[in-house]
C-alpha atoms as a PDB file:
ATOM      1  CA  MET A   1      23.498  42.409 -59.018  1.00  0.00           C
ATOM      2  CA  GLU A   2      24.430  38.799 -60.030  1.00  0.00           C
ATOM      3  CA  LYS A   3      26.934  38.563 -62.686  1.00  0.00           C
ATOM      4  CA  ARG A   4      25.554  35.067 -63.759  1.00  0.00           C
ATOM      5  CA  LYS A   5      22.372  36.349 -65.319  1.00  0.00           C
ATOM      6  CA  TRP A   6      24.321  39.219 -66.999  1.00  0.00           C
ATOM      7  CA  ARG A   7      26.810  36.569 -68.488  1.00  0.00           C
ATOM      8  CA  ARG A   8      23.843  34.597 -69.811  1.00  0.00           C
ATOM      9  CA  MET A   9      22.397  37.687 -71.342  1.00  0.00           C
ATOM     10  CA  ALA A  10      25.820  38.507 -72.850  1.00  0.00           C
ATOM     11  CA  GLN A  11      26.127  35.070 -74.405  1.00  0.00           C
ATOM     12  CA  GLY A  12      22.660  35.687 -75.940  1.00  0.00           C
ATOM     13  CA  ILE A  13      23.847  38.992 -77.233  1.00  0.00           C
ATOM     14  CA  VAL A  14      27.034  37.461 -78.681  1.00  0.00           C
ATOM     15  CA  GLY A  15      25.197  34.530 -80.216  1.00  0.00           C
ATOM     16  CA  ALA A  16      22.510  36.719 -81.861  1.00  0.00           C
ATOM     17  CA  ALA A  17      25.274  39.024 -83.178  1.00  0.00           C
ATOM     18  CA  SER A  18      27.225  36.184 -84.553  1.00  0.00           C
ATOM     19  CA  ALA A  19      24.184  34.719 -86.499  1.00  0.00           C
ATOM     20  CA  LEU A  20      23.382  38.141 -87.931  1.00  0.00           C
ATOM     21  CA  LEU A  21      26.983  38.795 -88.940  1.00  0.00           C
ATOM     22  CA  LEU A  22      26.879  35.416 -90.739  1.00  0.00           C
ATOM     23  CA  ALA A  23      23.629  36.227 -92.474  1.00  0.00           C
ATOM     24  CA  VAL A  24      24.826  39.706 -93.554  1.00  0.00           C
ATOM     25  CA  ALA A  25      28.087  38.373 -94.892  1.00  0.00           C
ATOM     26  CA  LEU A  26      26.331  35.566 -96.828  1.00  0.00           C
ATOM     27  CA  SER A  27      23.828  38.117 -98.109  1.00  0.00           C
ATOM     28  CA  ALA A  28      26.606  40.470 -99.260  1.00  0.00           C
ATOM     29  CA  CYS A  29      28.354  37.608-100.991  1.00  0.00           C
ATOM     30  CA  ASN A  30      25.227  36.434-102.834  1.00  0.00           C
ATOM     31  CA  ALA A  31      24.192  39.875-103.812  1.00  0.00           C
ATOM     32  CA  GLY A  32      27.469  41.252-104.739  1.00  0.00           C
ATOM     33  CA  GLY A  33      27.152  44.004-102.291  1.00  0.00           C
ATOM     34  CA  ASN A  34      24.637  45.583 -99.950  1.00  0.00           C
ATOM     35  CA  GLY A  35      21.506  47.067-101.537  1.00  0.00           C
ATOM     36  CA  SER A  36      19.486  50.057-100.687  1.00  0.00           C
ATOM     37  CA  SER A  37      16.450  49.891 -98.431  1.00  0.00           C
ATOM     38  CA  GLY A  38      14.071  50.228-101.398  1.00  0.00           C
ATOM     39  CA  GLU A  39      13.059  53.923-100.655  1.00  0.00           C
ATOM     40  CA  GLY A  40      13.230  56.395-103.382  1.00  0.00           C
ATOM     41  CA  GLN A  41      16.245  58.723-103.105  1.00  0.00           C
ATOM     42  CA  LEU A  42      15.429  62.414-103.104  1.00  0.00           C
ATOM     43  CA  ALA A  43      18.524  63.469-104.754  1.00  0.00           C
ATOM     44  CA  SER A  44      19.309  63.281-108.549  1.00  0.00           C
ATOM     45  CA  GLY A  45      21.583  60.475-110.076  1.00  0.00           C
ATOM     46  CA  GLY A  46      21.291  57.024-111.352  1.00  0.00           C
ATOM     47  CA  ALA A  47      21.644  53.572-109.742  1.00  0.00           C
ATOM     48  CA  ALA A  48      24.721  53.206-107.319  1.00  0.00           C
ATOM     49  CA  ALA A  49      27.644  51.267-108.586  1.00  0.00           C
ATOM     50  CA  LYS A  50      28.609  48.259-106.674  1.00  0.00           C
ATOM     51  CA  ASP A  51      32.351  49.041-106.329  1.00  0.00           C
ATOM     52  CA  SER A  52      33.309  49.562-102.728  1.00  0.00           C
ATOM     53  CA  PRO A  53      36.415  51.618-101.731  1.00  0.00           C
ATOM     54  CA  ASN A  54      39.674  49.792-101.527  1.00  0.00           C
ATOM     55  CA  VAL A  55      42.881  50.703 -99.676  1.00  0.00           C
ATOM     56  CA  SER A  56      44.521  53.631-101.554  1.00  0.00           C
ATOM     57  CA  SER A  57      48.123  53.845-102.862  1.00  0.00           C
ATOM     58  CA  PRO A  58      50.391  56.868-101.908  1.00  0.00           C
ATOM     59  CA  ASP A  59      50.128  58.129-105.456  1.00  0.00           C
ATOM     60  CA  GLU A  60      46.373  58.652-105.500  1.00  0.00           C
ATOM     61  CA  PRO A  61      44.991  62.237-105.356  1.00  0.00           C
ATOM     62  CA  SER A  62      43.711  63.685-102.117  1.00  0.00           C
ATOM     63  CA  GLU A  63      40.335  64.509-103.718  1.00  0.00           C
ATOM     64  CA  THR A  64      38.209  61.464-103.958  1.00  0.00           C
ATOM     65  CA  ARG A  65      36.093  60.981-106.980  1.00  0.00           C
ATOM     66  CA  ASP A  66      33.904  58.432-108.892  1.00  0.00           C
ATOM     67  CA  ILE A  67      33.073  55.942-106.252  1.00  0.00           C
ATOM     68  CA  THR A  68      29.975  54.715-104.362  1.00  0.00           C
ATOM     69  CA  ILE A  69      29.833  55.171-100.481  1.00  0.00           C
ATOM     70  CA  ARG A  70      27.485  53.037 -98.438  1.00  0.00           C
ATOM     71  CA  ILE A  71      25.795  54.697 -95.612  1.00  0.00           C
ATOM     72  CA  GLY A  72      23.685  53.007 -92.953  1.00  0.00           C
ATOM     73  CA  TYR A  73      20.932  54.790 -91.230  1.00  0.00           C
ATOM     74  CA  GLN A  74      18.160  54.248 -88.730  1.00  0.00           C
ATOM     75  CA  LYS A  75      14.697  55.523 -88.348  1.00  0.00           C
ATOM     76  CA  TYR A  76      15.683  58.868 -86.976  1.00  0.00           C
ATOM     77  CA  GLY A  77      18.849  61.005 -86.507  1.00  0.00           C
ATOM     78  CA  THR A  78      20.871  63.568 -88.474  1.00  0.00           C
ATOM     79  CA  ILE A  79      21.986  61.113 -91.098  1.00  0.00           C
ATOM     80  CA  ASN A  80      18.374  60.206 -91.657  1.00  0.00           C
ATOM     81  CA  ILE A  81      17.517  63.979 -92.122  1.00  0.00           C
ATOM     82  CA  LEU A  82      20.435  64.105 -94.652  1.00  0.00           C
ATOM     83  CA  LYS A  83      19.004  61.380 -96.640  1.00  0.00           C
ATOM     84  CA  ALA A  84      15.502  62.950 -96.662  1.00  0.00           C
ATOM     85  CA  ASP A  85      16.885  66.304 -97.729  1.00  0.00           C
ATOM     86  CA  GLY A  86      19.122  65.094-100.452  1.00  0.00           C
ATOM     87  CA  ALA A  87      21.920  67.802-100.072  1.00  0.00           C
ATOM     88  CA  LEU A  88      24.681  65.349 -99.447  1.00  0.00           C
ATOM     89  CA  ASP A  89      23.720  63.333-102.538  1.00  0.00           C
ATOM     90  CA  ARG A  90      23.484  66.382-104.746  1.00  0.00           C
ATOM     91  CA  ARG A  91      26.794  67.763-103.614  1.00  0.00           C
ATOM     92  CA  LEU A  92      28.847  64.494-103.832  1.00  0.00           C
ATOM     93  CA  GLU A  93      27.329  63.828-107.321  1.00  0.00           C
ATOM     94  CA  GLU A  94      27.880  67.296-108.665  1.00  0.00           C
ATOM     95  CA  GLU A  95      31.374  67.977-107.165  1.00  0.00           C
ATOM     96  CA  ARG A  96      32.837  64.516-107.161  1.00  0.00           C
ATOM     97  CA  ASN A  97      30.692  62.020-109.378  1.00  0.00           C
ATOM     98  CA  ILE A  98      30.197  60.091-106.040  1.00  0.00           C
ATOM     99  CA  LYS A  99      26.964  58.245-105.360  1.00  0.00           C
ATOM    100  CA  ILE A 100      25.408  57.185-102.052  1.00  0.00           C
ATOM    101  CA  GLU A 101      24.016  53.696-101.435  1.00  0.00           C
ATOM    102  CA  TRP A 102      21.637  54.155 -98.429  1.00  0.00           C
ATOM    103  CA  THR A 103      20.575  51.139 -96.202  1.00  0.00           C
ATOM    104  CA  GLU A 104      18.068  51.416 -93.521  1.00  0.00           C
ATOM    105  CA  PHE A 105      18.606  49.291 -90.255  1.00  0.00           C
ATOM    106  CA  PRO A 106      16.103  48.772 -87.344  1.00  0.00           C
ATOM    107  CA  GLY A 107      18.690  49.725 -84.755  1.00  0.00           C
ATOM    108  CA  GLY A 108      22.336  50.478 -83.939  1.00  0.00           C
ATOM    109  CA  PRO A 109      23.483  46.948 -83.152  1.00  0.00           C
ATOM    110  CA  GLN A 110      22.262  45.668 -86.579  1.00  0.00           C
ATOM    111  CA  LEU A 111      23.884  48.650 -88.329  1.00  0.00           C
ATOM    112  CA  LEU A 112      27.255  47.993 -86.726  1.00  0.00           C
ATOM    113  CA  GLU A 113      27.134  44.422 -87.505  1.00  0.00           C
ATOM    114  CA  ALA A 114      26.707  45.303 -91.140  1.00  0.00           C
ATOM    115  CA  LEU A 115      29.681  47.707 -90.848  1.00  0.00           C
ATOM    116  CA  ASN A 116      31.776  45.041 -89.247  1.00  0.00           C
ATOM    117  CA  VAL A 117      31.403  42.666 -92.131  1.00  0.00           C
ATOM    118  CA  GLY A 118      31.972  45.373 -94.578  1.00  0.00           C
ATOM    119  CA  SER A 119      28.459  45.855 -96.094  1.00  0.00           C
ATOM    120  CA  ILE A 120      28.409  49.576 -95.333  1.00  0.00           C
ATOM    121  CA  ASP A 121      31.038  52.113 -94.848  1.00  0.00           C
ATOM    122  CA  LEU A 122      29.801  54.459 -92.195  1.00  0.00           C
ATOM    123  CA  GLY A 123      26.620  55.151 -90.250  1.00  0.00           C
ATOM    124  CA  HIS A 124      25.239  56.492 -86.938  1.00  0.00           C
ATOM    125  CA  THR A 125      24.273  54.828 -83.636  1.00  0.00           C
ATOM    126  CA  GLY A 126      23.764  55.725 -79.957  1.00  0.00           C
ATOM    127  CA  GLU A 127      26.365  55.173 -77.242  1.00  0.00           C
ATOM    128  CA  ALA A 128      26.069  51.410 -76.362  1.00  0.00           C
ATOM    129  CA  PRO A 129      26.199  49.643 -79.927  1.00  0.00           C
ATOM    130  CA  PRO A 130      29.794  50.779 -80.544  1.00  0.00           C
ATOM    131  CA  ILE A 131      30.842  49.321 -77.358  1.00  0.00           C
ATOM    132  CA  PHE A 132      29.438  45.924 -78.070  1.00  0.00           C
ATOM    133  CA  ALA A 133      30.819  46.130 -81.757  1.00  0.00           C
ATOM    134  CA  GLN A 134      34.285  47.025 -80.544  1.00  0.00           C
ATOM    135  CA  ALA A 135      34.240  44.192 -77.960  1.00  0.00           C
ATOM    136  CA  ALA A 136      33.240  41.871 -80.928  1.00  0.00           C
ATOM    137  CA  GLY A 137      36.450  42.995 -82.785  1.00  0.00           C
ATOM    138  CA  ALA A 138      34.899  45.443 -85.225  1.00  0.00           C
ATOM    139  CA  LYS A 139      37.410  47.760 -86.809  1.00  0.00           C
ATOM    140  CA  LEU A 140      35.334  50.927 -86.287  1.00  0.00           C
ATOM    141  CA  VAL A 141      36.232  54.472 -85.464  1.00  0.00           C
ATOM    142  CA  TYR A 142      34.341  57.292 -83.915  1.00  0.00           C
ATOM    143  CA  LEU A 143      34.116  60.363 -86.282  1.00  0.00           C
ATOM    144  CA  ALA A 144      31.920  62.812 -84.325  1.00  0.00           C
ATOM    145  CA  HIS A 145      28.798  63.067 -82.188  1.00  0.00           C
ATOM    146  CA  GLU A 146      25.593  65.066 -81.603  1.00  0.00           C
ATOM    147  CA  PRO A 147      24.968  66.816 -78.280  1.00  0.00           C
ATOM    148  CA  ALA A 148      23.465  64.746 -75.438  1.00  0.00           C
ATOM    149  CA  SER A 149      19.613  64.103 -75.829  1.00  0.00           C
ATOM    150  CA  PRO A 150      18.624  62.386 -72.619  1.00  0.00           C
ATOM    151  CA  LYS A 151      14.899  63.047 -73.151  1.00  0.00           C
ATOM    152  CA  SER A 152      14.891  61.230 -76.532  1.00  0.00           C
ATOM    153  CA  GLU A 153      14.674  57.805 -74.944  1.00  0.00           C
ATOM    154  CA  ALA A 154      12.485  56.642 -72.059  1.00  0.00           C
ATOM    155  CA  ILE A 155      10.854  53.763 -70.122  1.00  0.00           C
ATOM    156  CA  ILE A 156       7.170  53.986 -71.017  1.00  0.00           C
ATOM    157  CA  VAL A 157       4.016  52.138 -69.717  1.00  0.00           C
ATOM    158  CA  PRO A 158       0.452  51.866 -70.930  1.00  0.00           C
ATOM    159  CA  MET A 159      -1.698  54.894 -70.199  1.00  0.00           C
ATOM    160  CA  ASP A 160      -3.819  52.875 -67.633  1.00  0.00           C
ATOM    161  CA  SER A 161      -0.924  51.167 -66.035  1.00  0.00           C
ATOM    162  CA  PRO A 162      -0.817  51.020 -62.315  1.00  0.00           C
ATOM    163  CA  VAL A 163       2.957  51.254 -62.409  1.00  0.00           C
ATOM    164  CA  GLN A 164       3.947  54.849 -61.374  1.00  0.00           C
ATOM    165  CA  PHE A 165       7.565  54.549 -60.497  1.00  0.00           C
ATOM    166  CA  VAL A 166      10.521  52.582 -61.908  1.00  0.00           C
ATOM    167  CA  ALA A 167      10.891  50.903 -58.535  1.00  0.00           C
ATOM    168  CA  GLU A 168       7.633  49.243 -59.327  1.00  0.00           C
ATOM    169  CA  LEU A 169       9.018  47.391 -62.332  1.00  0.00           C
ATOM    170  CA  LYS A 170      10.326  44.623 -60.011  1.00  0.00           C
ATOM    171  CA  GLY A 171       8.621  41.374 -61.198  1.00  0.00           C
ATOM    172  CA  LYS A 172       7.335  43.050 -64.298  1.00  0.00           C
ATOM    173  CA  THR A 173       8.034  42.392 -68.032  1.00  0.00           C
ATOM    174  CA  VAL A 174       9.992  44.985 -69.863  1.00  0.00           C
ATOM    175  CA  VAL A 175      10.772  44.799 -73.528  1.00  0.00           C
ATOM    176  CA  LEU A 176      13.669  46.557 -75.383  1.00  0.00           C
ATOM    177  CA  ASN A 177      16.063  46.208 -78.414  1.00  0.00           C
ATOM    178  CA  LYS A 178      19.088  44.151 -77.215  1.00  0.00           C
ATOM    179  CA  GLY A 179      22.393  45.962 -77.048  1.00  0.00           C
ATOM    180  CA  SER A 180      21.069  49.389 -77.819  1.00  0.00           C
ATOM    181  CA  ASN A 181      21.081  52.618 -76.047  1.00  0.00           C
ATOM    182  CA  VAL A 182      17.922  51.818 -74.159  1.00  0.00           C
ATOM    183  CA  HIS A 183      19.502  48.747 -72.838  1.00  0.00           C
ATOM    184  CA  TYR A 184      21.997  50.979 -70.929  1.00  0.00           C
ATOM    185  CA  LEU A 185      19.103  53.226 -70.015  1.00  0.00           C
ATOM    186  CA  LEU A 186      17.140  50.521 -68.272  1.00  0.00           C
ATOM    187  CA  VAL A 187      20.453  49.418 -66.466  1.00  0.00           C
ATOM    188  CA  LYS A 188      21.108  52.795 -65.123  1.00  0.00           C
ATOM    189  CA  GLN A 189      17.398  53.567 -64.134  1.00  0.00           C
ATOM    190  CA  LEU A 190      17.085  50.285 -62.299  1.00  0.00           C
ATOM    191  CA  GLU A 191      20.316  50.960 -60.351  1.00  0.00           C
ATOM    192  CA  LYS A 192      19.259  54.451 -59.575  1.00  0.00           C
ATOM    193  CA  ASN A 193      15.926  53.116 -58.107  1.00  0.00           C
ATOM    194  CA  GLY A 194      17.325  50.236 -56.271  1.00  0.00           C
ATOM    195  CA  VAL A 195      15.916  47.325 -58.530  1.00  0.00           C
ATOM    196  CA  ALA A 196      18.211  44.493 -59.348  1.00  0.00           C
ATOM    197  CA  TYR A 197      18.258  43.645 -62.997  1.00  0.00           C
ATOM    198  CA  GLU A 198      17.503  39.904 -62.325  1.00  0.00           C
ATOM    199  CA  ASP A 199      14.258  41.087 -60.684  1.00  0.00           C
ATOM    200  CA  VAL A 200      12.904  42.221 -63.966  1.00  0.00           C
ATOM    201  CA  ASP A 201      11.818  40.024 -66.670  1.00  0.00           C
ATOM    202  CA  VAL A 202      13.546  41.566 -69.749  1.00  0.00           C
ATOM    203  CA  LYS A 203      12.385  40.516 -73.255  1.00  0.00           C
ATOM    204  CA  TYR A 204      14.336  41.365 -76.407  1.00  0.00           C
ATOM    205  CA  LEU A 205      12.434  42.626 -79.523  1.00  0.00           C
ATOM    206  CA  PRO A 206      13.133  45.200 -82.202  1.00  0.00           C
ATOM    207  CA  PRO A 207      10.978  48.347 -82.291  1.00  0.00           C
ATOM    208  CA  ALA A 208       8.205  47.173 -84.483  1.00  0.00           C
ATOM    209  CA  ASP A 209       7.619  44.016 -82.610  1.00  0.00           C
ATOM    210  CA  ALA A 210       8.018  45.645 -79.301  1.00  0.00           C
ATOM    211  CA  ARG A 211       5.319  48.276 -80.111  1.00  0.00           C
ATOM    212  CA  ALA A 212       2.840  45.404 -81.036  1.00  0.00           C
ATOM    213  CA  ALA A 213       3.624  43.625 -77.777  1.00  0.00           C
ATOM    214  CA  PHE A 214       3.190  46.965 -75.892  1.00  0.00           C
ATOM    215  CA  GLU A 215      -0.158  47.661 -77.523  1.00  0.00           C
ATOM    216  CA  LYS A 216      -1.405  44.048 -76.899  1.00  0.00           C
ATOM    217  CA  GLY A 217      -0.668  44.451 -73.308  1.00  0.00           C
ATOM    218  CA  SER A 218       1.688  41.374 -73.190  1.00  0.00           C
ATOM    219  CA  VAL A 219       4.477  43.428 -71.636  1.00  0.00           C
ATOM    220  CA  ASP A 220       4.330  45.925 -68.717  1.00  0.00           C
ATOM    221  CA  ALA A 221       6.853  48.449 -69.986  1.00  0.00           C
ATOM    222  CA  TRP A 222       8.886  49.270 -73.090  1.00  0.00           C
ATOM    223  CA  VAL A 223      12.287  51.023 -73.183  1.00  0.00           C
ATOM    224  CA  ILE A 224      12.451  52.945 -76.569  1.00  0.00           C
ATOM    225  CA  TRP A 225      13.897  55.925 -78.265  1.00  0.00           C
ATOM    226  CA  ASP A 226      12.609  58.580 -80.655  1.00  0.00           C
ATOM    227  CA  PRO A 227      10.760  58.722 -83.066  1.00  0.00           C
ATOM    228  CA  PHE A 228       9.344  55.294 -81.883  1.00  0.00           C
ATOM    229  CA  LEU A 229       8.886  56.794 -78.393  1.00  0.00           C
ATOM    230  CA  ALA A 230       7.026  60.004 -79.609  1.00  0.00           C
ATOM    231  CA  ALA A 231       4.827  57.846 -81.795  1.00  0.00           C
ATOM    232  CA  ALA A 232       3.935  55.623 -79.003  1.00  0.00           C
ATOM    233  CA  GLU A 233       3.045  58.619 -76.838  1.00  0.00           C
ATOM    234  CA  THR A 234       0.888  60.188 -79.382  1.00  0.00           C
ATOM    235  CA  ALA A 235      -0.869  57.004 -80.747  1.00  0.00           C
ATOM    236  CA  THR A 236      -1.211  54.827 -77.704  1.00  0.00           C
ATOM    237  CA  GLY A 237      -1.065  57.339 -74.828  1.00  0.00           C
ATOM    238  CA  GLY A 238       1.932  55.698 -73.568  1.00  0.00           C
ATOM    239  CA  ARG A 239       3.212  57.257 -70.304  1.00  0.00           C
ATOM    240  CA  VAL A 240       6.869  58.123 -69.756  1.00  0.00           C
ATOM    241  CA  LEU A 241       7.990  56.499 -66.374  1.00  0.00           C
ATOM    242  CA  ALA A 242      11.454  57.768 -66.735  1.00  0.00           C
ATOM    243  CA  ASN A 243      13.582  59.180 -69.443  1.00  0.00           C
ATOM    244  CA  GLY A 244      17.483  59.560 -69.622  1.00  0.00           C
ATOM    245  CA  GLU A 245      17.641  62.677 -67.579  1.00  0.00           C
ATOM    246  CA  ASP A 246      19.990  62.337 -64.725  1.00  0.00           C
ATOM    247  CA  ALA A 247      20.873  58.857 -65.790  1.00  0.00           C
ATOM    248  CA  VAL A 248      22.411  58.817 -69.352  1.00  0.00           C
ATOM    249  CA  SER A 249      23.641  61.246 -71.937  1.00  0.00           C
ATOM    250  CA  ASN A 250      22.261  59.454 -74.947  1.00  0.00           C
ATOM    251  CA  HIS A 251      24.749  60.882 -77.681  1.00  0.00           C
ATOM    252  CA  GLU A 252      24.348  60.029 -81.358  1.00  0.00           C
ATOM    253  CA  PHE A 253      27.669  58.926 -82.784  1.00  0.00           C
ATOM    254  CA  TYR A 254      28.897  59.039 -86.371  1.00  0.00           C
ATOM    255  CA  LEU A 255      31.018  55.919 -87.088  1.00  0.00           C
ATOM    256  CA  ALA A 256      32.922  54.460 -89.968  1.00  0.00           C
ATOM    257  CA  THR A 257      35.156  51.505 -90.767  1.00  0.00           C
ATOM    258  CA  ARG A 258      38.870  52.512 -90.035  1.00  0.00           C
ATOM    259  CA  GLU A 259      39.752  51.600 -93.528  1.00  0.00           C
ATOM    260  CA  PHE A 260      37.210  54.184 -95.035  1.00  0.00           C
ATOM    261  CA  ALA A 261      37.954  56.937 -92.530  1.00  0.00           C
ATOM    262  CA  GLU A 262      41.782  56.713 -93.103  1.00  0.00           C
ATOM    263  CA  LYS A 263      41.549  56.611 -96.836  1.00  0.00           C
ATOM    264  CA  TYR A 264      38.808  59.153 -97.370  1.00  0.00           C
ATOM    265  CA  PRO A 265      39.303  61.832 -94.740  1.00  0.00           C
ATOM    266  CA  ASP A 266      37.999  64.331 -97.313  1.00  0.00           C
ATOM    267  CA  LEU A 267      34.692  62.644 -97.676  1.00  0.00           C
ATOM    268  CA  VAL A 268      34.409  62.399 -93.815  1.00  0.00           C
ATOM    269  CA  ASP A 269      34.741  66.106 -93.713  1.00  0.00           C
ATOM    270  CA  ILE A 270      31.979  66.660 -96.361  1.00  0.00           C
ATOM    271  CA  LEU A 271      29.741  64.389 -94.503  1.00  0.00           C
ATOM    272  CA  LEU A 272      30.113  66.192 -91.176  1.00  0.00           C
ATOM    273  CA  GLU A 273      30.035  69.575 -92.860  1.00  0.00           C
ATOM    274  CA  GLU A 274      26.627  68.714 -94.504  1.00  0.00           C
ATOM    275  CA  ALA A 275      25.241  67.195 -91.286  1.00  0.00           C
ATOM    276  CA  ASP A 276      26.216  70.386 -89.353  1.00  0.00           C
ATOM    277  CA  LYS A 277      24.390  72.507 -91.912  1.00  0.00           C
ATOM    278  CA  ILE A 278      21.259  70.328 -91.748  1.00  0.00           C
ATOM    279  CA  ASP A 279      21.387  70.229 -88.022  1.00  0.00           C
ATOM    280  CA  ALA A 280      21.420  74.071 -87.912  1.00  0.00           C
ATOM    281  CA  TRP A 281      18.376  74.289 -90.080  1.00  0.00           C
ATOM    282  CA  SER A 282      16.551  71.370 -88.256  1.00  0.00           C
ATOM    283  CA  ALA A 283      17.086  73.146 -84.903  1.00  0.00           C
ATOM    284  CA  ASP A 284      15.224  76.178 -86.076  1.00  0.00           C
ATOM    285  CA  HIS A 285      12.487  74.404 -88.136  1.00  0.00           C
ATOM    286  CA  PRO A 286      11.097  71.436 -86.002  1.00  0.00           C
ATOM    287  CA  ARG A 287       7.664  71.559 -87.933  1.00  0.00           C
ATOM    288  CA  GLU A 288       9.196  71.709 -91.369  1.00  0.00           C
ATOM    289  CA  LEU A 289      11.664  68.946 -90.325  1.00  0.00           C
ATOM    290  CA  ALA A 290       8.736  66.734 -89.310  1.00  0.00           C
ATOM    291  CA  GLU A 291       6.918  67.447 -92.475  1.00  0.00           C
ATOM    292  CA  LYS A 292      10.144  66.548 -94.502  1.00  0.00           C
ATOM    293  CA  LEU A 293      10.543  63.221 -92.634  1.00  0.00           C
ATOM    294  CA  SER A 294       7.009  62.026 -92.325  1.00  0.00           C
ATOM    295  CA  PRO A 295       6.509  60.593 -95.898  1.00  0.00           C
ATOM    296  CA  GLN A 296       9.799  58.774 -95.797  1.00  0.00           C
ATOM    297  CA  LEU A 297       9.492  57.395 -92.218  1.00  0.00           C
ATOM    298  CA  GLY A 298       5.759  56.701 -92.249  1.00  0.00           C
ATOM    299  CA  ILE A 299       5.343  58.483 -89.020  1.00  0.00           C
ATOM    300  CA  ASP A 300       2.799  61.239 -88.399  1.00  0.00           C
ATOM    301  CA  VAL A 301       3.911  64.871 -88.308  1.00  0.00           C
ATOM    302  CA  GLU A 302       2.839  65.400 -84.823  1.00  0.00           C
ATOM    303  CA  SER A 303       4.971  62.646 -83.393  1.00  0.00           C
ATOM    304  CA  LEU A 304       8.002  63.723 -85.390  1.00  0.00           C
ATOM    305  CA  GLU A 305       7.612  67.364 -84.243  1.00  0.00           C
ATOM    306  CA  LEU A 306       7.560  66.118 -80.702  1.00  0.00           C
ATOM    307  CA  ALA A 307      10.704  64.137 -81.169  1.00  0.00           C
ATOM    308  CA  ALA A 308      12.503  67.007 -83.061  1.00  0.00           C
ATOM    309  CA  GLY A 309      11.835  69.385 -80.107  1.00  0.00           C
ATOM    310  CA  ARG A 310      13.703  67.420 -77.468  1.00  0.00           C
ATOM    311  CA  ARG A 311      16.936  66.357 -79.211  1.00  0.00           C
ATOM    312  CA  GLY A 312      20.177  68.188 -79.445  1.00  0.00           C
ATOM    313  CA  TYR A 313      21.617  69.400 -82.751  1.00  0.00           C
ATOM    314  CA  GLY A 314      25.220  70.424 -83.819  1.00  0.00           C
ATOM    315  CA  ILE A 315      28.145  68.219 -84.782  1.00  0.00           C
ATOM    316  CA  GLN A 316      30.878  67.935 -82.180  1.00  0.00           C
ATOM    317  CA  ARG A 317      34.306  66.341 -82.724  1.00  0.00           C
ATOM    318  CA  ILE A 318      35.323  63.497 -80.467  1.00  0.00           C
ATOM    319  CA  ASP A 319      37.237  64.876 -77.429  1.00  0.00           C
ATOM    320  CA  GLU A 320      38.524  63.377 -74.249  1.00  0.00           C
ATOM    321  CA  GLU A 321      35.385  64.047 -72.284  1.00  0.00           C
ATOM    322  CA  VAL A 322      33.201  62.122 -74.527  1.00  0.00           C
ATOM    323  CA  ILE A 323      35.895  59.387 -74.718  1.00  0.00           C
ATOM    324  CA  GLU A 324      35.882  59.023 -70.872  1.00  0.00           C
ATOM    325  CA  ALA A 325      31.985  58.867 -70.885  1.00  0.00           C
ATOM    326  CA  GLN A 326      32.154  55.947 -73.348  1.00  0.00           C
ATOM    327  CA  GLN A 327      34.827  54.339 -71.365  1.00  0.00           C
ATOM    328  CA  SER A 328      32.706  54.485 -68.372  1.00  0.00           C
ATOM    329  CA  ILE A 329      29.958  52.683 -70.244  1.00  0.00           C
ATOM    330  CA  ALA A 330      32.378  50.021 -71.475  1.00  0.00           C
ATOM    331  CA  ASP A 331      33.820  49.612 -67.998  1.00  0.00           C
ATOM    332  CA  THR A 332      30.193  49.123 -66.597  1.00  0.00           C
ATOM    333  CA  PHE A 333      29.268  46.549 -69.262  1.00  0.00           C
ATOM    334  CA  TYR A 334      32.560  44.699 -68.389  1.00  0.00           C
ATOM    335  CA  GLU A 335      31.818  44.584 -64.757  1.00  0.00           C
ATOM    336  CA  LEU A 336      28.370  43.314 -65.419  1.00  0.00           C
ATOM    337  CA  GLY A 337      29.713  40.442 -67.662  1.00  0.00           C
ATOM    338  CA  LEU A 338      28.108  41.921 -70.864  1.00  0.00           C
ATOM    339  CA  ILE A 339      31.352  41.996 -72.706  1.00  0.00           C
ATOM    340  CA  PRO A 340      34.179  39.536 -72.295  1.00  0.00           C
ATOM    341  CA  ALA A 341      37.258  41.768 -71.765  1.00  0.00           C
ATOM    342  CA  LYS A 342      37.887  45.290 -70.835  1.00  0.00           C
ATOM    343  CA  LEU A 343      38.011  47.846 -73.606  1.00  0.00           C
ATOM    344  CA  ASP A 344      40.207  50.836 -74.359  1.00  0.00           C
ATOM    345  CA  ILE A 345      37.894  53.287 -76.267  1.00  0.00           C
ATOM    346  CA  HIS A 346      41.034  55.201 -77.455  1.00  0.00           C
ATOM    347  CA  GLU A 347      41.745  52.211 -79.808  1.00  0.00           C
ATOM    348  CA  ALA A 348      38.480  53.209 -81.771  1.00  0.00           C
ATOM    349  CA  ILE A 349      39.623  56.874 -82.129  1.00  0.00           C
ATOM    350  CA  LEU A 350      41.352  58.221 -85.287  1.00  0.00           C
ATOM    351  CA  LYS A 351      44.810  59.505 -84.550  1.00  0.00           C
END
């Protein structure tokens, strides 16, 4: 595979990230802090304060109180379920007088760009975005992860597409969200099926725009994750060409700024504890979970139940095995020219 095209693509990723970083930083300065997504919170409590956490002094108590924490979330994942349920909001407000400021992002790369410029304190993404963010100098740390969910992302084609195998994507147009987990999925599936990346015409669009292009028939395939994947299957009849099985793990990671994680370990513990509780409930109640999320996400219950049934649940602490898996992805991206220097994933792990 030619490194030249990968380097051009990497330059595009870096350029787009830099522009968005500047836009987010300017927005944060003009607005006095990052606002919520506009969705109504399910928990009790008034408007969130704009004071963000500062570096603590040695004399401060270990129990954190009376602040606002800023959490970034995407369209689907355990943090999204926490927001819909409201248990985390209620516990922090009742026990600590802490409020949560929630902000929705279209994907992991955008969420970590906001974390990098200090607009949010923590959030969740898949495997690939933290690697691009670390390569860009983001002071992030991994907190925990969910079990592998390889069936929760896939390459899909229209129902009547003549394409039956990944190898037949050669010369075709494929759309995906740049720098996301599905980017890595496409890389691995093309390698597995003997197709050079430069032999596929890859276009970069966020999920909503990619869905429109897919429905119009202006692209041959779409690489996407749940719940957008499930919604496309149920609404358009999109056919799965290949998912992540035998190619990628597709972990969901919890990440934070190093400053926040080191200053507020008690809040990190509460977040992960509540996430594990809601995970246990979600694993046993896929239909009820879908009904809870549907009004917030604007996605039908049938699609959300399909997505809920094929992901893993249960908080897992970062261990050497998952660090090695992330290191392997980082090394692959470096070899392909997607990131400018070799990374050490251990540098993004809390000591």
